[in-house]
């Protein structure tokens, strides 16, 4: 993978996923060639994650390519810096996530999105879960935080939920 122009390649794959989805293809495993899948894996990303971006872009006009790129960039950095380019080999379980109505400091959804952000950073998202889904976007818009900024702060919080809550409350207040 050429590190200099990785974002251009990611753009091509994002556009390809949007085109495939718009054409009715709902099988993300078939969207990309072996080389394209390897490119995504080299940045800690999966075809499913690109499919999720494309699906929501087609259905809801968000996330934009720019949003998808920023989110993917955080994951890529975490994968390369913290995980040293090695997948954890794990996937979180849906039933282990906090409930959608769970709250921290009066902020409903915060426990859930923190857990999802950590899973996204580690590359441990199950196929049926998306970081940046409609619920995440609604929550993050309500507190004025971009999904990529939230990911970066969760990473920087060093697993301290109180730091994340304080960060969110500073923006929400």
C-alpha atoms as a PDB file:
ATOM      1  CA  UNK A   1       0.000   0.000   0.000  1.00  0.00           C
ATOM      2  CA  UNK A   2       1.268   3.449  -0.888  1.00  0.00           C
ATOM      3  CA  UNK A   3       1.045   5.459   2.318  1.00  0.00           C
ATOM      4  CA  UNK A   4       1.100   8.775   0.492  1.00  0.00           C
ATOM      5  CA  UNK A   5      -2.085   8.292  -1.491  1.00  0.00           C
ATOM      6  CA  UNK A   6      -4.014   5.842   0.694  1.00  0.00           C
ATOM      7  CA  UNK A   7      -6.890   8.323   1.014  1.00  0.00           C
ATOM      8  CA  UNK A   8      -7.296   8.383  -2.772  1.00  0.00           C
ATOM      9  CA  UNK A   9      -7.506   4.596  -2.862  1.00  0.00           C
ATOM     10  CA  UNK A  10      -9.982   4.661   0.013  1.00  0.00           C
ATOM     11  CA  UNK A  11     -12.064   7.168  -1.969  1.00  0.00           C
ATOM     12  CA  UNK A  12     -12.124   4.846  -4.972  1.00  0.00           C
ATOM     13  CA  UNK A  13     -13.304   1.974  -2.792  1.00  0.00           C
ATOM     14  CA  UNK A  14     -15.911   4.124  -1.058  1.00  0.00           C
ATOM     15  CA  UNK A  15     -17.261   5.221  -4.450  1.00  0.00           C
ATOM     16  CA  UNK A  16     -17.259   1.613  -5.627  1.00  0.00           C
ATOM     17  CA  UNK A  17     -19.216   0.538  -2.526  1.00  0.00           C
ATOM     18  CA  UNK A  18     -21.779   3.307  -3.044  1.00  0.00           C
ATOM     19  CA  UNK A  19     -22.174   2.290  -6.679  1.00  0.00           C
ATOM     20  CA  UNK A  20     -22.577  -1.391  -5.749  1.00  0.00           C
ATOM     21  CA  UNK A  21     -25.130  -0.592  -3.071  1.00  0.00           C
ATOM     22  CA  UNK A  22     -27.080   1.751  -5.359  1.00  0.00           C
ATOM     23  CA  UNK A  23     -27.151  -1.019  -7.979  1.00  0.00           C
ATOM     24  CA  UNK A  24     -28.822  -3.346  -5.461  1.00  0.00           C
ATOM     25  CA  UNK A  25     -25.830  -5.437  -4.382  1.00  0.00           C
ATOM     26  CA  UNK A  26     -26.250  -6.241  -0.685  1.00  0.00           C
ATOM     27  CA  UNK A  27     -23.317  -8.666  -0.460  1.00  0.00           C
ATOM     28  CA  UNK A  28     -20.321  -6.618   0.755  1.00  0.00           C
ATOM     29  CA  UNK A  29     -18.003  -9.620   0.641  1.00  0.00           C
ATOM     30  CA  UNK A  30     -18.225  -9.445  -3.162  1.00  0.00           C
ATOM     31  CA  UNK A  31     -17.654  -5.711  -3.542  1.00  0.00           C
ATOM     32  CA  UNK A  32     -13.877  -5.769  -3.723  1.00  0.00           C
ATOM     33  CA  UNK A  33     -11.067  -7.659  -5.385  1.00  0.00           C
ATOM     34  CA  UNK A  34      -8.517  -9.562  -3.310  1.00  0.00           C
ATOM     35  CA  UNK A  35      -6.066  -6.652  -3.666  1.00  0.00           C
ATOM     36  CA  UNK A  36      -8.707  -4.136  -2.588  1.00  0.00           C
ATOM     37  CA  UNK A  37      -9.661  -6.288   0.398  1.00  0.00           C
ATOM     38  CA  UNK A  38      -5.975  -6.535   1.312  1.00  0.00           C
ATOM     39  CA  UNK A  39      -5.672  -2.750   1.065  1.00  0.00           C
ATOM     40  CA  UNK A  40      -8.588  -2.351   3.486  1.00  0.00           C
ATOM     41  CA  UNK A  41      -7.133  -4.963   5.842  1.00  0.00           C
ATOM     42  CA  UNK A  42      -3.820  -3.092   5.770  1.00  0.00           C
ATOM     43  CA  UNK A  43      -5.550  -0.123   7.350  1.00  0.00           C
ATOM     44  CA  UNK A  44      -7.570  -2.229   9.793  1.00  0.00           C
ATOM     45  CA  UNK A  45     -10.774  -1.832   7.802  1.00  0.00           C
ATOM     46  CA  UNK A  46     -13.240  -4.355   6.366  1.00  0.00           C
ATOM     47  CA  UNK A  47     -15.537  -4.552   3.375  1.00  0.00           C
ATOM     48  CA  UNK A  48     -18.458  -4.629   5.835  1.00  0.00           C
ATOM     49  CA  UNK A  49     -17.441  -1.280   7.319  1.00  0.00           C
ATOM     50  CA  UNK A  50     -17.249   0.305   3.876  1.00  0.00           C
ATOM     51  CA  UNK A  51     -20.597  -1.282   3.023  1.00  0.00           C
ATOM     52  CA  UNK A  52     -22.116   0.297   6.152  1.00  0.00           C
ATOM     53  CA  UNK A  53     -20.861   3.734   5.112  1.00  0.00           C
ATOM     54  CA  UNK A  54     -22.216   3.223   1.585  1.00  0.00           C
ATOM     55  CA  UNK A  55     -25.580   1.916   2.787  1.00  0.00           C
ATOM     56  CA  UNK A  56     -26.190   4.868   5.094  1.00  0.00           C
ATOM     57  CA  UNK A  57     -24.913   7.339   2.487  1.00  0.00           C
ATOM     58  CA  UNK A  58     -27.399   5.929  -0.032  1.00  0.00           C
ATOM     59  CA  UNK A  59     -30.311   5.735   2.399  1.00  0.00           C
ATOM     60  CA  UNK A  60     -29.750   8.838   4.558  1.00  0.00           C
ATOM     61  CA  UNK A  61     -27.193  10.955   2.669  1.00  0.00           C
ATOM     62  CA  UNK A  62     -24.748  10.525   5.526  1.00  0.00           C
ATOM     63  CA  UNK A  63     -22.069   9.890   6.449  1.00  0.00           C
ATOM     64  CA  UNK A  64     -20.385  11.811   3.672  1.00  0.00           C
ATOM     65  CA  UNK A  65     -17.197  10.550   2.119  1.00  0.00           C
ATOM     66  CA  UNK A  66     -15.308  13.095   4.236  1.00  0.00           C
ATOM     67  CA  UNK A  67     -16.873  11.726   7.411  1.00  0.00           C
ATOM     68  CA  UNK A  68     -16.096   8.148   6.381  1.00  0.00           C
ATOM     69  CA  UNK A  69     -12.501   9.105   5.591  1.00  0.00           C
ATOM     70  CA  UNK A  70     -11.990  10.826   8.938  1.00  0.00           C
ATOM     71  CA  UNK A  71     -13.425   7.852  10.842  1.00  0.00           C
ATOM     72  CA  UNK A  72     -11.343   5.409   8.801  1.00  0.00           C
ATOM     73  CA  UNK A  73      -8.269   7.548   9.399  1.00  0.00           C
ATOM     74  CA  UNK A  74      -8.620   7.265  13.170  1.00  0.00           C
ATOM     75  CA  UNK A  75      -9.050   3.495  12.915  1.00  0.00           C
ATOM     76  CA  UNK A  76      -6.056   3.297  10.566  1.00  0.00           C
ATOM     77  CA  UNK A  77      -3.886   5.260  12.996  1.00  0.00           C
ATOM     78  CA  UNK A  78      -4.958   3.119  15.956  1.00  0.00           C
ATOM     79  CA  UNK A  79      -4.352  -0.054  13.950  1.00  0.00           C
ATOM     80  CA  UNK A  80      -0.867   1.033  12.973  1.00  0.00           C
ATOM     81  CA  UNK A  81       0.225   2.741  16.199  1.00  0.00           C
ATOM     82  CA  UNK A  82      -1.421   0.752  18.985  1.00  0.00           C
ATOM     83  CA  UNK A  83      -2.027  -2.600  17.307  1.00  0.00           C
ATOM     84  CA  UNK A  84       1.206  -2.507  15.291  1.00  0.00           C
ATOM     85  CA  UNK A  85      -0.730  -3.595  12.178  1.00  0.00           C
ATOM     86  CA  UNK A  86      -2.077  -6.764  13.814  1.00  0.00           C
ATOM     87  CA  UNK A  87      -5.756  -7.542  14.213  1.00  0.00           C
ATOM     88  CA  UNK A  88      -6.959  -8.578  17.663  1.00  0.00           C
ATOM     89  CA  UNK A  89      -8.809 -11.482  16.062  1.00  0.00           C
ATOM     90  CA  UNK A  90     -11.818 -10.791  18.283  1.00  0.00           C
ATOM     91  CA  UNK A  91     -15.321  -9.525  17.659  1.00  0.00           C
ATOM     92  CA  UNK A  92     -17.477  -8.044  20.388  1.00  0.00           C
ATOM     93  CA  UNK A  93     -20.836  -9.593  21.134  1.00  0.00           C
ATOM     94  CA  UNK A  94     -23.963  -7.543  20.516  1.00  0.00           C
ATOM     95  CA  UNK A  95     -25.528  -8.682  23.789  1.00  0.00           C
ATOM     96  CA  UNK A  96     -22.513  -7.299  25.665  1.00  0.00           C
ATOM     97  CA  UNK A  97     -23.233  -3.732  24.541  1.00  0.00           C
ATOM     98  CA  UNK A  98     -24.916  -1.291  26.917  1.00  0.00           C
ATOM     99  CA  UNK A  99     -28.613  -0.803  26.188  1.00  0.00           C
ATOM    100  CA  UNK A 100     -29.622   1.988  23.844  1.00  0.00           C
ATOM    101  CA  UNK A 101     -31.335   3.772  26.741  1.00  0.00           C
ATOM    102  CA  UNK A 102     -28.401   3.431  29.162  1.00  0.00           C
ATOM    103  CA  UNK A 103     -27.055   6.765  30.399  1.00  0.00           C
ATOM    104  CA  UNK A 104     -23.998   8.284  32.047  1.00  0.00           C
ATOM    105  CA  UNK A 105     -24.356  11.672  33.730  1.00  0.00           C
ATOM    106  CA  UNK A 106     -27.790  12.014  32.141  1.00  0.00           C
ATOM    107  CA  UNK A 107     -26.470  11.376  28.637  1.00  0.00           C
ATOM    108  CA  UNK A 108     -28.545   8.600  27.094  1.00  0.00           C
ATOM    109  CA  UNK A 109     -26.600   6.555  24.491  1.00  0.00           C
ATOM    110  CA  UNK A 110     -23.186   7.551  25.864  1.00  0.00           C
ATOM    111  CA  UNK A 111     -22.329   4.146  27.407  1.00  0.00           C
ATOM    112  CA  UNK A 112     -23.294   2.419  24.156  1.00  0.00           C
ATOM    113  CA  UNK A 113     -21.320   4.719  21.865  1.00  0.00           C
ATOM    114  CA  UNK A 114     -18.259   4.509  24.108  1.00  0.00           C
ATOM    115  CA  UNK A 115     -18.353   0.697  23.837  1.00  0.00           C
ATOM    116  CA  UNK A 116     -18.880   0.920  20.071  1.00  0.00           C
ATOM    117  CA  UNK A 117     -16.022   3.414  19.705  1.00  0.00           C
ATOM    118  CA  UNK A 118     -13.651   1.115  21.567  1.00  0.00           C
ATOM    119  CA  UNK A 119     -14.697  -1.811  19.391  1.00  0.00           C
ATOM    120  CA  UNK A 120     -14.266   0.315  16.252  1.00  0.00           C
ATOM    121  CA  UNK A 121     -10.793   1.389  17.329  1.00  0.00           C
ATOM    122  CA  UNK A 122      -9.754  -2.232  17.933  1.00  0.00           C
ATOM    123  CA  UNK A 123     -11.422  -3.509  14.754  1.00  0.00           C
ATOM    124  CA  UNK A 124     -13.768  -5.732  16.738  1.00  0.00           C
ATOM    125  CA  UNK A 125     -17.146  -4.682  15.301  1.00  0.00           C
ATOM    126  CA  UNK A 126     -19.585  -7.484  14.441  1.00  0.00           C
ATOM    127  CA  UNK A 127     -21.107  -7.310  10.958  1.00  0.00           C
ATOM    128  CA  UNK A 128     -24.490  -6.243  12.338  1.00  0.00           C
ATOM    129  CA  UNK A 129     -23.102  -3.199  14.151  1.00  0.00           C
ATOM    130  CA  UNK A 130     -21.898   0.120  12.735  1.00  0.00           C
ATOM    131  CA  UNK A 131     -19.950   2.855  14.437  1.00  0.00           C
ATOM    132  CA  UNK A 132     -21.518   6.057  13.129  1.00  0.00           C
ATOM    133  CA  UNK A 133     -24.996   4.568  12.637  1.00  0.00           C
ATOM    134  CA  UNK A 134     -28.096   6.732  12.761  1.00  0.00           C
ATOM    135  CA  UNK A 135     -28.311   6.509  16.564  1.00  0.00           C
ATOM    136  CA  UNK A 136     -24.645   7.456  16.933  1.00  0.00           C
ATOM    137  CA  UNK A 137     -25.046  10.359  14.516  1.00  0.00           C
ATOM    138  CA  UNK A 138     -28.132  11.630  16.359  1.00  0.00           C
ATOM    139  CA  UNK A 139     -26.300  11.518  19.694  1.00  0.00           C
ATOM    140  CA  UNK A 140     -23.101  13.106  18.384  1.00  0.00           C
ATOM    141  CA  UNK A 141     -25.008  15.861  16.578  1.00  0.00           C
ATOM    142  CA  UNK A 142     -26.917  16.619  19.782  1.00  0.00           C
ATOM    143  CA  UNK A 143     -23.641  17.204  21.631  1.00  0.00           C
ATOM    144  CA  UNK A 144     -21.808  18.838  18.714  1.00  0.00           C
ATOM    145  CA  UNK A 145     -19.003  16.287  18.326  1.00  0.00           C
ATOM    146  CA  UNK A 146     -17.844  14.761  15.038  1.00  0.00           C
ATOM    147  CA  UNK A 147     -17.680  10.939  15.049  1.00  0.00           C
ATOM    148  CA  UNK A 148     -13.946  10.960  14.292  1.00  0.00           C
ATOM    149  CA  UNK A 149     -13.269  13.438  17.102  1.00  0.00           C
ATOM    150  CA  UNK A 150     -15.240  11.235  19.475  1.00  0.00           C
ATOM    151  CA  UNK A 151     -13.148   8.222  18.426  1.00  0.00           C
ATOM    152  CA  UNK A 152      -9.934  10.139  19.012  1.00  0.00           C
ATOM    153  CA  UNK A 153     -11.080  11.225  22.445  1.00  0.00           C
ATOM    154  CA  UNK A 154     -12.107   7.698  23.418  1.00  0.00           C
ATOM    155  CA  UNK A 155      -8.618   6.576  22.350  1.00  0.00           C
ATOM    156  CA  UNK A 156      -6.966   9.390  24.331  1.00  0.00           C
ATOM    157  CA  UNK A 157      -9.086   8.713  27.432  1.00  0.00           C
ATOM    158  CA  UNK A 158      -7.111   5.533  28.131  1.00  0.00           C
ATOM    159  CA  UNK A 159     -10.279   3.562  28.955  1.00  0.00           C
ATOM    160  CA  UNK A 160     -11.523   6.155  31.474  1.00  0.00           C
ATOM    161  CA  UNK A 161     -15.227   6.663  30.841  1.00  0.00           C
ATOM    162  CA  UNK A 162     -15.330   9.660  33.180  1.00  0.00           C
ATOM    163  CA  UNK A 163     -12.905  11.501  30.875  1.00  0.00           C
ATOM    164  CA  UNK A 164     -15.135  10.751  27.879  1.00  0.00           C
ATOM    165  CA  UNK A 165     -18.227  11.879  29.785  1.00  0.00           C
ATOM    166  CA  UNK A 166     -16.505  15.119  30.813  1.00  0.00           C
ATOM    167  CA  UNK A 167     -15.447  15.756  27.209  1.00  0.00           C
ATOM    168  CA  UNK A 168     -18.993  15.209  25.946  1.00  0.00           C
ATOM    169  CA  UNK A 169     -20.553  17.315  28.711  1.00  0.00           C
ATOM    170  CA  UNK A 170     -18.163  20.177  27.874  1.00  0.00           C
ATOM    171  CA  UNK A 171     -19.551  20.219  24.336  1.00  0.00           C
ATOM    172  CA  UNK A 172     -23.167  19.445  25.236  1.00  0.00           C
ATOM    173  CA  UNK A 173     -23.378  22.154  27.906  1.00  0.00           C
END
